[in-house]
């Protein structure tokens, strides 16, 4: 792991894709917002998240995760297309304005479903 005192320190060497430390920091903030305690295991580098399996296994959360992934995919495809990204096999995205409208509609559904799971 790199530290800030090291000249090559980076959470995302390419400026986009986070490394393991970056992912852990992102996860900590999400878990903090969910008020779900988590501790990083000192051994194999795993993470113990209290109540995670119960949270994921609630039927409404499966649908919630599906909607979140759908929203992310719509926006990612749209922006990658807008930017002219030439990733092999990349799906052609919607125009950004249409993707944002669909994402907004999905956000409403996500929030409704999330409020029911609390």
PDB file of N, CA and C in Angstrom:
ATOM      1  N   UNK A   1       0.843  -1.174   0.000  1.00  0.00           N
ATOM      2  CA  UNK A   1       0.000   0.000   0.000  1.00  0.00           C
ATOM      3  C   UNK A   1       0.891   1.241   0.000  1.00  0.00           C
ATOM      4  N   UNK A   2       0.515   2.233  -0.760  1.00  0.00           N
ATOM      5  CA  UNK A   2       1.270   3.481  -0.820  1.00  0.00           C
ATOM      6  C   UNK A   2       0.746   4.470   0.207  1.00  0.00           C
ATOM      7  N   UNK A   3       1.627   5.295   0.698  1.00  0.00           N
ATOM      8  CA  UNK A   3       1.252   6.292   1.688  1.00  0.00           C
ATOM      9  C   UNK A   3       1.497   7.684   1.129  1.00  0.00           C
ATOM     10  N   UNK A   4       0.864   8.659   1.709  1.00  0.00           N
ATOM     11  CA  UNK A   4       0.956  10.037   1.215  1.00  0.00           C
ATOM     12  C   UNK A   4       2.379  10.577   1.199  1.00  0.00           C
ATOM     13  N   UNK A   5       3.230  10.047   2.057  1.00  0.00           N
ATOM     14  CA  UNK A   5       4.608  10.515   2.103  1.00  0.00           C
ATOM     15  C   UNK A   5       5.433   9.975   0.932  1.00  0.00           C
ATOM     16  N   UNK A   6       4.862   9.016   0.206  1.00  0.00           N
ATOM     17  CA  UNK A   6       5.559   8.443  -0.934  1.00  0.00           C
ATOM     18  C   UNK A   6       5.202   9.211  -2.203  1.00  0.00           C
ATOM     19  N   UNK A   7       6.161   9.510  -3.048  1.00  0.00           N
ATOM     20  CA  UNK A   7       5.899  10.305  -4.247  1.00  0.00           C
ATOM     21  C   UNK A   7       4.915   9.657  -5.227  1.00  0.00           C
ATOM     22  N   UNK A   8       4.790   8.340  -5.208  1.00  0.00           N
ATOM     23  CA  UNK A   8       3.885   7.658  -6.128  1.00  0.00           C
ATOM     24  C   UNK A   8       2.509   7.386  -5.527  1.00  0.00           C
ATOM     25  N   UNK A   9       2.201   7.996  -4.376  1.00  0.00           N
ATOM     26  CA  UNK A   9       0.920   7.761  -3.710  1.00  0.00           C
ATOM     27  C   UNK A   9      -0.233   8.149  -4.630  1.00  0.00           C
ATOM     28  N   UNK A  10      -1.201   7.259  -4.768  1.00  0.00           N
ATOM     29  CA  UNK A  10      -2.400   7.545  -5.560  1.00  0.00           C
ATOM     30  C   UNK A  10      -3.490   6.568  -5.172  1.00  0.00           C
ATOM     31  N   UNK A  11      -4.711   7.059  -5.123  1.00  0.00           N
ATOM     32  CA  UNK A  11      -5.853   6.178  -4.912  1.00  0.00           C
ATOM     33  C   UNK A  11      -6.346   5.632  -6.237  1.00  0.00           C
ATOM     34  N   UNK A  12      -5.998   6.346  -7.305  1.00  0.00           N
ATOM     35  CA  UNK A  12      -6.382   5.915  -8.654  1.00  0.00           C
ATOM     36  C   UNK A  12      -5.267   6.340  -9.599  1.00  0.00           C
ATOM     37  N   UNK A  13      -4.379   5.424  -9.902  1.00  0.00           N
ATOM     38  CA  UNK A  13      -3.204   5.759 -10.728  1.00  0.00           C
ATOM     39  C   UNK A  13      -3.586   6.371 -12.064  1.00  0.00           C
ATOM     40  N   UNK A  14      -4.714   5.908 -12.637  1.00  0.00           N
ATOM     41  CA  UNK A  14      -5.122   6.461 -13.931  1.00  0.00           C
ATOM     42  C   UNK A  14      -6.074   7.642 -13.766  1.00  0.00           C
ATOM     43  N   UNK A  15      -6.336   8.042 -12.527  1.00  0.00           N
ATOM     44  CA  UNK A  15      -7.216   9.171 -12.273  1.00  0.00           C
ATOM     45  C   UNK A  15      -8.695   8.807 -12.315  1.00  0.00           C
ATOM     46  N   UNK A  16      -9.002   7.537 -12.554  1.00  0.00           N
ATOM     47  CA  UNK A  16     -10.398   7.119 -12.680  1.00  0.00           C
ATOM     48  C   UNK A  16     -10.710   5.903 -11.800  1.00  0.00           C
ATOM     49  N   UNK A  17      -9.930   4.848 -11.946  1.00  0.00           N
ATOM     50  CA  UNK A  17     -10.233   3.568 -11.309  1.00  0.00           C
ATOM     51  C   UNK A  17      -9.517   3.459  -9.968  1.00  0.00           C
ATOM     52  N   UNK A  18     -10.304   3.440  -8.893  1.00  0.00           N
ATOM     53  CA  UNK A  18      -9.737   3.388  -7.550  1.00  0.00           C
ATOM     54  C   UNK A  18      -9.057   2.057  -7.280  1.00  0.00           C
ATOM     55  N   UNK A  19      -7.979   2.120  -6.476  1.00  0.00           N
ATOM     56  CA  UNK A  19      -7.319   0.899  -6.033  1.00  0.00           C
ATOM     57  C   UNK A  19      -8.053   0.363  -4.807  1.00  0.00           C
ATOM     58  N   UNK A  20      -7.534  -0.665  -4.181  1.00  0.00           N
ATOM     59  CA  UNK A  20      -8.203  -1.283  -3.035  1.00  0.00           C
ATOM     60  C   UNK A  20      -8.425  -0.278  -1.903  1.00  0.00           C
ATOM     61  N   UNK A  21      -7.441   0.569  -1.640  1.00  0.00           N
ATOM     62  CA  UNK A  21      -7.587   1.574  -0.586  1.00  0.00           C
ATOM     63  C   UNK A  21      -8.687   2.563  -0.954  1.00  0.00           C
ATOM     64  N   UNK A  22      -8.728   2.979  -2.191  1.00  0.00           N
ATOM     65  CA  UNK A  22      -9.769   3.890  -2.646  1.00  0.00           C
ATOM     66  C   UNK A  22     -11.152   3.292  -2.504  1.00  0.00           C
ATOM     67  N   UNK A  23     -11.283   2.018  -2.887  1.00  0.00           N
ATOM     68  CA  UNK A  23     -12.576   1.338  -2.744  1.00  0.00           C
ATOM     69  C   UNK A  23     -12.972   1.235  -1.272  1.00  0.00           C
ATOM     70  N   UNK A  24     -11.996   0.954  -0.419  1.00  0.00           N
ATOM     71  CA  UNK A  24     -12.284   0.852   1.010  1.00  0.00           C
ATOM     72  C   UNK A  24     -12.753   2.201   1.553  1.00  0.00           C
ATOM     73  N   UNK A  25     -12.133   3.285   1.152  1.00  0.00           N
ATOM     74  CA  UNK A  25     -12.560   4.607   1.618  1.00  0.00           C
ATOM     75  C   UNK A  25     -13.971   4.935   1.142  1.00  0.00           C
ATOM     76  N   UNK A  26     -14.271   4.601  -0.101  1.00  0.00           N
ATOM     77  CA  UNK A  26     -15.619   4.822  -0.638  1.00  0.00           C
ATOM     78  C   UNK A  26     -16.627   3.987   0.151  1.00  0.00           C
ATOM     79  N   UNK A  27     -16.305   2.723   0.365  1.00  0.00           N
ATOM     80  CA  UNK A  27     -17.206   1.831   1.102  1.00  0.00           C
ATOM     81  C   UNK A  27     -17.446   2.333   2.520  1.00  0.00           C
ATOM     82  N   UNK A  28     -16.399   2.832   3.169  1.00  0.00           N
ATOM     83  CA  UNK A  28     -16.558   3.346   4.531  1.00  0.00           C
ATOM     84  C   UNK A  28     -17.572   4.481   4.573  1.00  0.00           C
ATOM     85  N   UNK A  29     -17.514   5.374   3.591  1.00  0.00           N
ATOM     86  CA  UNK A  29     -18.447   6.498   3.570  1.00  0.00           C
ATOM     87  C   UNK A  29     -19.877   6.035   3.324  1.00  0.00           C
ATOM     88  N   UNK A  30     -20.061   5.061   2.450  1.00  0.00           N
ATOM     89  CA  UNK A  30     -21.400   4.515   2.203  1.00  0.00           C
ATOM     90  C   UNK A  30     -21.920   3.859   3.473  1.00  0.00           C
ATOM     91  N   UNK A  31     -21.093   3.041   4.096  1.00  0.00           N
ATOM     92  CA  UNK A  31     -21.501   2.347   5.314  1.00  0.00           C
ATOM     93  C   UNK A  31     -21.760   3.323   6.461  1.00  0.00           C
ATOM     94  N   UNK A  32     -20.970   4.397   6.524  1.00  0.00           N
ATOM     95  CA  UNK A  32     -21.190   5.414   7.556  1.00  0.00           C
ATOM     96  C   UNK A  32     -22.565   6.047   7.372  1.00  0.00           C
ATOM     97  N   UNK A  33     -22.912   6.340   6.122  1.00  0.00           N
ATOM     98  CA  UNK A  33     -24.222   6.936   5.821  1.00  0.00           C
ATOM     99  C   UNK A  33     -25.350   5.968   6.163  1.00  0.00           C
ATOM    100  N   UNK A  34     -25.127   4.680   5.951  1.00  0.00           N
ATOM    101  CA  UNK A  34     -26.127   3.664   6.282  1.00  0.00           C
ATOM    102  C   UNK A  34     -26.138   3.338   7.774  1.00  0.00           C
ATOM    103  N   UNK A  35     -25.209   3.974   8.512  1.00  0.00           N
ATOM    104  CA  UNK A  35     -25.054   3.690   9.942  1.00  0.00           C
ATOM    105  C   UNK A  35     -24.819   2.196  10.190  1.00  0.00           C
ATOM    106  N   UNK A  36     -23.975   1.613   9.346  1.00  0.00           N
ATOM    107  CA  UNK A  36     -23.637   0.193   9.412  1.00  0.00           C
ATOM    108  C   UNK A  36     -22.166   0.063   9.748  1.00  0.00           C
ATOM    109  N   UNK A  37     -21.828  -0.443  10.932  1.00  0.00           N
ATOM    110  CA  UNK A  37     -20.413  -0.550  11.300  1.00  0.00           C
ATOM    111  C   UNK A  37     -19.664  -1.561  10.444  1.00  0.00           C
ATOM    112  N   UNK A  38     -18.419  -1.250  10.167  1.00  0.00           N
ATOM    113  CA  UNK A  38     -17.562  -2.161   9.401  1.00  0.00           C
ATOM    114  C   UNK A  38     -16.143  -2.047   9.936  1.00  0.00           C
ATOM    115  N   UNK A  39     -15.456  -3.155   9.936  1.00  0.00           N
ATOM    116  CA  UNK A  39     -14.056  -3.160  10.340  1.00  0.00           C
ATOM    117  C   UNK A  39     -13.257  -3.941   9.323  1.00  0.00           C
ATOM    118  N   UNK A  40     -12.098  -3.410   9.003  1.00  0.00           N
ATOM    119  CA  UNK A  40     -11.218  -4.094   8.062  1.00  0.00           C
ATOM    120  C   UNK A  40     -10.465  -5.178   8.821  1.00  0.00           C
ATOM    121  N   UNK A  41     -10.512  -6.375   8.295  1.00  0.00           N
ATOM    122  CA  UNK A  41      -9.844  -7.527   8.880  1.00  0.00           C
ATOM    123  C   UNK A  41      -8.344  -7.370   8.672  1.00  0.00           C
ATOM    124  N   UNK A  42      -7.576  -7.532   9.725  1.00  0.00           N
ATOM    125  CA  UNK A  42      -6.134  -7.377   9.615  1.00  0.00           C
ATOM    126  C   UNK A  42      -5.451  -8.511   8.886  1.00  0.00           C
ATOM    127  N   UNK A  43      -6.113  -9.652   8.749  1.00  0.00           N
ATOM    128  CA  UNK A  43      -5.492 -10.813   8.139  1.00  0.00           C
ATOM    129  C   UNK A  43      -5.499 -10.774   6.633  1.00  0.00           C
ATOM    130  N   UNK A  44      -6.523 -11.353   6.043  1.00  0.00           N
ATOM    131  CA  UNK A  44      -6.570 -11.501   4.588  1.00  0.00           C
ATOM    132  C   UNK A  44      -7.023 -10.234   3.877  1.00  0.00           C
ATOM    133  N   UNK A  45      -7.259  -9.169   4.618  1.00  0.00           N
ATOM    134  CA  UNK A  45      -7.679  -7.923   3.986  1.00  0.00           C
ATOM    135  C   UNK A  45      -9.168  -7.857   3.719  1.00  0.00           C
ATOM    136  N   UNK A  46      -9.922  -8.812   4.279  1.00  0.00           N
ATOM    137  CA  UNK A  46     -11.371  -8.805   4.104  1.00  0.00           C
ATOM    138  C   UNK A  46     -12.023  -7.749   4.969  1.00  0.00           C
ATOM    139  N   UNK A  47     -13.322  -7.613   4.826  1.00  0.00           N
ATOM    140  CA  UNK A  47     -14.072  -6.622   5.589  1.00  0.00           C
ATOM    141  C   UNK A  47     -15.235  -7.322   6.264  1.00  0.00           C
ATOM    142  N   UNK A  48     -15.428  -7.038   7.526  1.00  0.00           N
ATOM    143  CA  UNK A  48     -16.562  -7.569   8.271  1.00  0.00           C
ATOM    144  C   UNK A  48     -17.567  -6.438   8.431  1.00  0.00           C
ATOM    145  N   UNK A  49     -18.754  -6.623   7.884  1.00  0.00           N
ATOM    146  CA  UNK A  49     -19.788  -5.596   7.944  1.00  0.00           C
ATOM    147  C   UNK A  49     -20.965  -6.161   8.726  1.00  0.00           C
ATOM    148  N   UNK A  50     -21.234  -5.551   9.864  1.00  0.00           N
ATOM    149  CA  UNK A  50     -22.306  -6.034  10.723  1.00  0.00           C
ATOM    150  C   UNK A  50     -23.640  -5.973   9.998  1.00  0.00           C
ATOM    151  N   UNK A  51     -24.357  -7.101   9.969  1.00  0.00           N
ATOM    152  CA  UNK A  51     -25.693  -7.137   9.390  1.00  0.00           C
ATOM    153  C   UNK A  51     -25.759  -7.074   7.877  1.00  0.00           C
ATOM    154  N   UNK A  52     -24.615  -7.207   7.184  1.00  0.00           N
ATOM    155  CA  UNK A  52     -24.633  -7.065   5.724  1.00  0.00           C
ATOM    156  C   UNK A  52     -25.485  -8.132   5.057  1.00  0.00           C
ATOM    157  N   UNK A  53     -25.329  -9.389   5.456  1.00  0.00           N
ATOM    158  CA  UNK A  53     -26.103 -10.439   4.793  1.00  0.00           C
ATOM    159  C   UNK A  53     -27.592 -10.232   5.017  1.00  0.00           C
ATOM    160  N   UNK A  54     -27.981  -9.778   6.217  1.00  0.00           N
ATOM    161  CA  UNK A  54     -29.397  -9.504   6.472  1.00  0.00           C
ATOM    162  C   UNK A  54     -29.886  -8.355   5.590  1.00  0.00           C
ATOM    163  N   UNK A  55     -29.052  -7.338   5.424  1.00  0.00           N
ATOM    164  CA  UNK A  55     -29.409  -6.185   4.603  1.00  0.00           C
ATOM    165  C   UNK A  55     -29.581  -6.593   3.140  1.00  0.00           C
ATOM    166  N   UNK A  56     -28.643  -7.358   2.600  1.00  0.00           N
ATOM    167  CA  UNK A  56     -28.690  -7.767   1.201  1.00  0.00           C
ATOM    168  C   UNK A  56     -29.814  -8.766   0.946  1.00  0.00           C
ATOM    169  N   UNK A  57     -30.069  -9.633   1.918  1.00  0.00           N
ATOM    170  CA  UNK A  57     -31.042 -10.702   1.707  1.00  0.00           C
ATOM    171  C   UNK A  57     -32.495 -10.287   1.890  1.00  0.00           C
ATOM    172  N   UNK A  58     -32.757  -9.037   2.251  1.00  0.00           N
ATOM    173  CA  UNK A  58     -34.140  -8.585   2.316  1.00  0.00           C
ATOM    174  C   UNK A  58     -34.655  -8.482   0.885  1.00  0.00           C
ATOM    175  N   UNK A  59     -35.831  -9.056   0.601  1.00  0.00           N
ATOM    176  CA  UNK A  59     -36.336  -9.102  -0.780  1.00  0.00           C
ATOM    177  C   UNK A  59     -36.350  -7.744  -1.483  1.00  0.00           C
ATOM    178  N   UNK A  60     -36.760  -6.693  -0.800  1.00  0.00           N
ATOM    179  CA  UNK A  60     -36.834  -5.381  -1.451  1.00  0.00           C
ATOM    180  C   UNK A  60     -35.447  -4.836  -1.798  1.00  0.00           C
ATOM    181  N   UNK A  61     -34.406  -5.287  -1.104  1.00  0.00           N
ATOM    182  CA  UNK A  61     -33.070  -4.793  -1.402  1.00  0.00           C
ATOM    183  C   UNK A  61     -32.494  -5.405  -2.676  1.00  0.00           C
ATOM    184  N   UNK A  62     -32.936  -6.601  -3.036  1.00  0.00           N
ATOM    185  CA  UNK A  62     -32.531  -7.175  -4.319  1.00  0.00           C
ATOM    186  C   UNK A  62     -33.028  -6.299  -5.454  1.00  0.00           C
ATOM    187  N   UNK A  63     -34.263  -5.865  -5.364  1.00  0.00           N
ATOM    188  CA  UNK A  63     -34.843  -4.966  -6.375  1.00  0.00           C
ATOM    189  C   UNK A  63     -34.147  -3.610  -6.337  1.00  0.00           C
ATOM    190  N   UNK A  64     -33.824  -3.149  -5.149  1.00  0.00           N
ATOM    191  CA  UNK A  64     -33.127  -1.873  -4.986  1.00  0.00           C
ATOM    192  C   UNK A  64     -31.771  -1.911  -5.682  1.00  0.00           C
ATOM    193  N   UNK A  65     -31.002  -2.970  -5.451  1.00  0.00           N
ATOM    194  CA  UNK A  65     -29.699  -3.108  -6.096  1.00  0.00           C
ATOM    195  C   UNK A  65     -29.835  -3.185  -7.613  1.00  0.00           C
ATOM    196  N   UNK A  66     -30.858  -3.883  -8.090  1.00  0.00           N
ATOM    197  CA  UNK A  66     -31.105  -3.994  -9.528  1.00  0.00           C
ATOM    198  C   UNK A  66     -31.354  -2.613 -10.142  1.00  0.00           C
ATOM    199  N   UNK A  67     -32.174  -1.794  -9.484  1.00  0.00           N
ATOM    200  CA  UNK A  67     -32.470  -0.446  -9.991  1.00  0.00           C
ATOM    201  C   UNK A  67     -31.231   0.449  -9.959  1.00  0.00           C
ATOM    202  N   UNK A  68     -30.434   0.322  -8.910  1.00  0.00           N
ATOM    203  CA  UNK A  68     -29.209   1.129  -8.805  1.00  0.00           C
ATOM    204  C   UNK A  68     -28.240   0.765  -9.918  1.00  0.00           C
ATOM    205  N   UNK A  69     -28.078  -0.521 -10.169  1.00  0.00           N
ATOM    206  CA  UNK A  69     -27.192  -0.966 -11.260  1.00  0.00           C
ATOM    207  C   UNK A  69     -27.716  -0.493 -12.613  1.00  0.00           C
ATOM    208  N   UNK A  70     -29.028  -0.584 -12.809  1.00  0.00           N
ATOM    209  CA  UNK A  70     -29.639  -0.151 -14.069  1.00  0.00           C
ATOM    210  C   UNK A  70     -29.377   1.338 -14.296  1.00  0.00           C
ATOM    211  N   UNK A  71     -29.577   2.149 -13.262  1.00  0.00           N
ATOM    212  CA  UNK A  71     -29.339   3.593 -13.373  1.00  0.00           C
ATOM    213  C   UNK A  71     -27.873   3.872 -13.706  1.00  0.00           C
ATOM    214  N   UNK A  72     -26.973   3.181 -13.027  1.00  0.00           N
ATOM    215  CA  UNK A  72     -25.548   3.379 -13.279  1.00  0.00           C
ATOM    216  C   UNK A  72     -25.149   3.007 -14.698  1.00  0.00           C
ATOM    217  N   UNK A  73     -25.689   1.904 -15.187  1.00  0.00           N
ATOM    218  CA  UNK A  73     -25.362   1.452 -16.540  1.00  0.00           C
ATOM    219  C   UNK A  73     -25.872   2.425 -17.598  1.00  0.00           C
ATOM    220  N   UNK A  74     -27.089   2.916 -17.420  1.00  0.00           N
ATOM    221  CA  UNK A  74     -27.661   3.885 -18.366  1.00  0.00           C
ATOM    222  C   UNK A  74     -26.780   5.128 -18.442  1.00  0.00           C
ATOM    223  N   UNK A  75     -26.404   5.652 -17.276  1.00  0.00           N
ATOM    224  CA  UNK A  75     -25.581   6.866 -17.258  1.00  0.00           C
ATOM    225  C   UNK A  75     -24.170   6.612 -17.781  1.00  0.00           C
ATOM    226  N   UNK A  76     -23.575   5.479 -17.397  1.00  0.00           N
ATOM    227  CA  UNK A  76     -22.216   5.175 -17.860  1.00  0.00           C
ATOM    228  C   UNK A  76     -22.171   5.041 -19.378  1.00  0.00           C
ATOM    229  N   UNK A  77     -23.118   4.290 -19.933  1.00  0.00           N
ATOM    230  CA  UNK A  77     -23.144   4.114 -21.389  1.00  0.00           C
ATOM    231  C   UNK A  77     -23.343   5.448 -22.102  1.00  0.00           C
ATOM    232  N   UNK A  78     -24.234   6.274 -21.564  1.00  0.00           N
ATOM    233  CA  UNK A  78     -24.501   7.572 -22.193  1.00  0.00           C
ATOM    234  C   UNK A  78     -23.261   8.459 -22.192  1.00  0.00           C
ATOM    235  N   UNK A  79     -22.603   8.551 -21.049  1.00  0.00           N
ATOM    236  CA  UNK A  79     -21.432   9.431 -20.964  1.00  0.00           C
ATOM    237  C   UNK A  79     -20.248   8.888 -21.754  1.00  0.00           C
ATOM    238  N   UNK A  80     -20.062   7.572 -21.749  1.00  0.00           N
ATOM    239  CA  UNK A  80     -18.976   7.007 -22.547  1.00  0.00           C
ATOM    240  C   UNK A  80     -19.211   7.256 -24.032  1.00  0.00           C
ATOM    241  N   UNK A  81     -20.456   7.144 -24.470  1.00  0.00           N
ATOM    242  CA  UNK A  81     -20.786   7.444 -25.863  1.00  0.00           C
ATOM    243  C   UNK A  81     -20.562   8.920 -26.152  1.00  0.00           C
ATOM    244  N   UNK A  82     -21.024   9.782 -25.253  1.00  0.00           N
ATOM    245  CA  UNK A  82     -20.867  11.235 -25.411  1.00  0.00           C
ATOM    246  C   UNK A  82     -19.392  11.623 -25.539  1.00  0.00           C
ATOM    247  N   UNK A  83     -18.559  10.973 -24.761  1.00  0.00           N
ATOM    248  CA  UNK A  83     -17.123  11.287 -24.767  1.00  0.00           C
ATOM    249  C   UNK A  83     -16.396  10.684 -25.959  1.00  0.00           C
ATOM    250  N   UNK A  84     -17.070   9.812 -26.704  1.00  0.00           N
ATOM    251  CA  UNK A  84     -16.428   9.181 -27.851  1.00  0.00           C
ATOM    252  C   UNK A  84     -15.510   8.042 -27.460  1.00  0.00           C
ATOM    253  N   UNK A  85     -15.754   7.456 -26.286  1.00  0.00           N
ATOM    254  CA  UNK A  85     -14.931   6.340 -25.822  1.00  0.00           C
ATOM    255  C   UNK A  85     -15.060   5.183 -26.806  1.00  0.00           C
ATOM    256  N   UNK A  86     -13.954   4.559 -27.122  1.00  0.00           N
ATOM    257  CA  UNK A  86     -13.945   3.501 -28.127  1.00  0.00           C
ATOM    258  C   UNK A  86     -13.661   2.122 -27.540  1.00  0.00           C
ATOM    259  N   UNK A  87     -14.188   1.871 -26.355  1.00  0.00           N
ATOM    260  CA  UNK A  87     -13.987   0.569 -25.722  1.00  0.00           C
ATOM    261  C   UNK A  87     -14.583  -0.524 -26.610  1.00  0.00           C
ATOM    262  N   UNK A  88     -13.820  -1.573 -26.925  1.00  0.00           N
ATOM    263  CA  UNK A  88     -14.354  -2.664 -27.757  1.00  0.00           C
ATOM    264  C   UNK A  88     -15.582  -3.301 -27.107  1.00  0.00           C
ATOM    265  N   UNK A  89     -16.615  -3.511 -27.885  1.00  0.00           N
ATOM    266  CA  UNK A  89     -17.823  -4.160 -27.397  1.00  0.00           C
ATOM    267  C   UNK A  89     -18.704  -3.282 -26.530  1.00  0.00           C
ATOM    268  N   UNK A  90     -18.380  -1.995 -26.433  1.00  0.00           N
ATOM    269  CA  UNK A  90     -19.158  -1.094 -25.599  1.00  0.00           C
ATOM    270  C   UNK A  90     -20.542  -0.863 -26.196  1.00  0.00           C
ATOM    271  N   UNK A  91     -21.547  -0.894 -25.347  1.00  0.00           N
ATOM    272  CA  UNK A  91     -22.910  -0.645 -25.774  1.00  0.00           C
ATOM    273  C   UNK A  91     -23.073   0.843 -26.116  1.00  0.00           C
ATOM    274  N   UNK A  92     -23.763   1.121 -27.219  1.00  0.00           N
ATOM    275  CA  UNK A  92     -24.067   2.502 -27.595  1.00  0.00           C
ATOM    276  C   UNK A  92     -25.028   3.076 -26.555  1.00  0.00           C
ATOM    277  N   UNK A  93     -24.663   4.205 -25.969  1.00  0.00           N
ATOM    278  CA  UNK A  93     -25.504   4.813 -24.949  1.00  0.00           C
ATOM    279  C   UNK A  93     -26.548   5.748 -25.533  1.00  0.00           C
ATOM    280  N   UNK A  94     -27.514   6.078 -24.717  1.00  0.00           N
ATOM    281  CA  UNK A  94     -28.533   7.058 -25.083  1.00  0.00           C
ATOM    282  C   UNK A  94     -27.906   8.448 -25.118  1.00  0.00           C
ATOM    283  N   UNK A  95     -28.569   9.406 -25.749  1.00  0.00           N
ATOM    284  CA  UNK A  95     -28.116  10.791 -25.579  1.00  0.00           C
ATOM    285  C   UNK A  95     -28.146  11.125 -24.075  1.00  0.00           C
ATOM    286  N   UNK A  96     -27.193  11.913 -23.611  1.00  0.00           N
ATOM    287  CA  UNK A  96     -27.062  12.184 -22.178  1.00  0.00           C
ATOM    288  C   UNK A  96     -28.358  12.744 -21.591  1.00  0.00           C
ATOM    289  N   UNK A  97     -29.020  13.646 -22.290  1.00  0.00           N
ATOM    290  CA  UNK A  97     -30.254  14.230 -21.748  1.00  0.00           C
ATOM    291  C   UNK A  97     -31.323  13.163 -21.506  1.00  0.00           C
ATOM    292  N   UNK A  98     -31.451  12.208 -22.411  1.00  0.00           N
ATOM    293  CA  UNK A  98     -32.415  11.123 -22.242  1.00  0.00           C
ATOM    294  C   UNK A  98     -31.986  10.191 -21.113  1.00  0.00           C
ATOM    295  N   UNK A  99     -30.694   9.901 -21.037  1.00  0.00           N
ATOM    296  CA  UNK A  99     -30.185   9.046 -19.956  1.00  0.00           C
ATOM    297  C   UNK A  99     -30.431   9.707 -18.601  1.00  0.00           C
ATOM    298  N   UNK A 100     -30.218  11.008 -18.513  1.00  0.00           N
ATOM    299  CA  UNK A 100     -30.436  11.714 -17.251  1.00  0.00           C
ATOM    300  C   UNK A 100     -31.912  11.692 -16.854  1.00  0.00           C
ATOM    301  N   UNK A 101     -32.796  11.804 -17.835  1.00  0.00           N
ATOM    302  CA  UNK A 101     -34.229  11.726 -17.540  1.00  0.00           C
ATOM    303  C   UNK A 101     -34.571  10.338 -17.001  1.00  0.00           C
ATOM    304  N   UNK A 102     -34.088   9.303 -17.655  1.00  0.00           N
ATOM    305  CA  UNK A 102     -34.349   7.939 -17.184  1.00  0.00           C
ATOM    306  C   UNK A 102     -33.742   7.711 -15.797  1.00  0.00           C
ATOM    307  N   UNK A 103     -32.543   8.251 -15.584  1.00  0.00           N
ATOM    308  CA  UNK A 103     -31.882   8.107 -14.282  1.00  0.00           C
ATOM    309  C   UNK A 103     -32.688   8.810 -13.191  1.00  0.00           C
ATOM    310  N   UNK A 104     -33.244   9.968 -13.509  1.00  0.00           N
ATOM    311  CA  UNK A 104     -34.073  10.696 -12.538  1.00  0.00           C
ATOM    312  C   UNK A 104     -35.307   9.879 -12.181  1.00  0.00           C
ATOM    313  N   UNK A 105     -35.950   9.286 -13.186  1.00  0.00           N
ATOM    314  CA  UNK A 105     -37.115   8.434 -12.932  1.00  0.00           C
ATOM    315  C   UNK A 105     -36.736   7.234 -12.056  1.00  0.00           C
ATOM    316  N   UNK A 106     -35.586   6.638 -12.343  1.00  0.00           N
ATOM    317  CA  UNK A 106     -35.122   5.509 -11.538  1.00  0.00           C
ATOM    318  C   UNK A 106     -34.784   5.944 -10.113  1.00  0.00           C
ATOM    319  N   UNK A 107     -34.233   7.136  -9.962  1.00  0.00           N
ATOM    320  CA  UNK A 107     -33.899   7.648  -8.626  1.00  0.00           C
ATOM    321  C   UNK A 107     -35.147   7.764  -7.771  1.00  0.00           C
ATOM    322  N   UNK A 108     -36.242   8.214  -8.354  1.00  0.00           N
ATOM    323  CA  UNK A 108     -37.510   8.299  -7.616  1.00  0.00           C
ATOM    324  C   UNK A 108     -37.908   6.907  -7.120  1.00  0.00           C
ATOM    325  N   UNK A 109     -37.837   5.907  -8.006  1.00  0.00           N
ATOM    326  CA  UNK A 109     -38.180   4.529  -7.623  1.00  0.00           C
ATOM    327  C   UNK A 109     -37.223   4.012  -6.547  1.00  0.00           C
ATOM    328  N   UNK A 110     -35.939   4.301  -6.703  1.00  0.00           N
ATOM    329  CA  UNK A 110     -34.926   3.853  -5.742  1.00  0.00           C
ATOM    330  C   UNK A 110     -35.217   4.439  -4.368  1.00  0.00           C
ATOM    331  N   UNK A 111     -35.509   5.728  -4.318  1.00  0.00           N
ATOM    332  CA  UNK A 111     -35.782   6.375  -3.020  1.00  0.00           C
ATOM    333  C   UNK A 111     -37.045   5.825  -2.374  1.00  0.00           C
ATOM    334  N   UNK A 112     -38.064   5.577  -3.180  1.00  0.00           N
ATOM    335  CA  UNK A 112     -39.305   4.999  -2.635  1.00  0.00           C
ATOM    336  C   UNK A 112     -39.030   3.627  -2.032  1.00  0.00           C
ATOM    337  N   UNK A 113     -38.317   2.808  -2.775  1.00  0.00           N
ATOM    338  CA  UNK A 113     -38.015   1.455  -2.310  1.00  0.00           C
ATOM    339  C   UNK A 113     -37.099   1.491  -1.087  1.00  0.00           C
ATOM    340  N   UNK A 114     -36.120   2.380  -1.095  1.00  0.00           N
ATOM    341  CA  UNK A 114     -35.184   2.497   0.035  1.00  0.00           C
ATOM    342  C   UNK A 114     -35.903   2.938   1.295  1.00  0.00           C
ATOM    343  N   UNK A 115     -36.870   3.832   1.158  1.00  0.00           N
ATOM    344  CA  UNK A 115     -37.589   4.304   2.353  1.00  0.00           C
ATOM    345  C   UNK A 115     -38.428   3.194   2.976  1.00  0.00           C
ATOM    346  N   UNK A 116     -38.866   2.239   2.163  1.00  0.00           N
ATOM    347  CA  UNK A 116     -39.644   1.091   2.668  1.00  0.00           C
ATOM    348  C   UNK A 116     -38.761   0.099   3.410  1.00  0.00           C
ATOM    349  N   UNK A 117     -37.471   0.076   3.101  1.00  0.00           N
ATOM    350  CA  UNK A 117     -36.577  -0.927   3.706  1.00  0.00           C
ATOM    351  C   UNK A 117     -35.967  -0.456   5.011  1.00  0.00           C
ATOM    352  N   UNK A 118     -36.290   0.723   5.440  1.00  0.00           N
ATOM    353  CA  UNK A 118     -35.708   1.228   6.705  1.00  0.00           C
ATOM    354  C   UNK A 118     -36.490   0.789   7.902  1.00  0.00           C
TER     355      UNK A 118
END
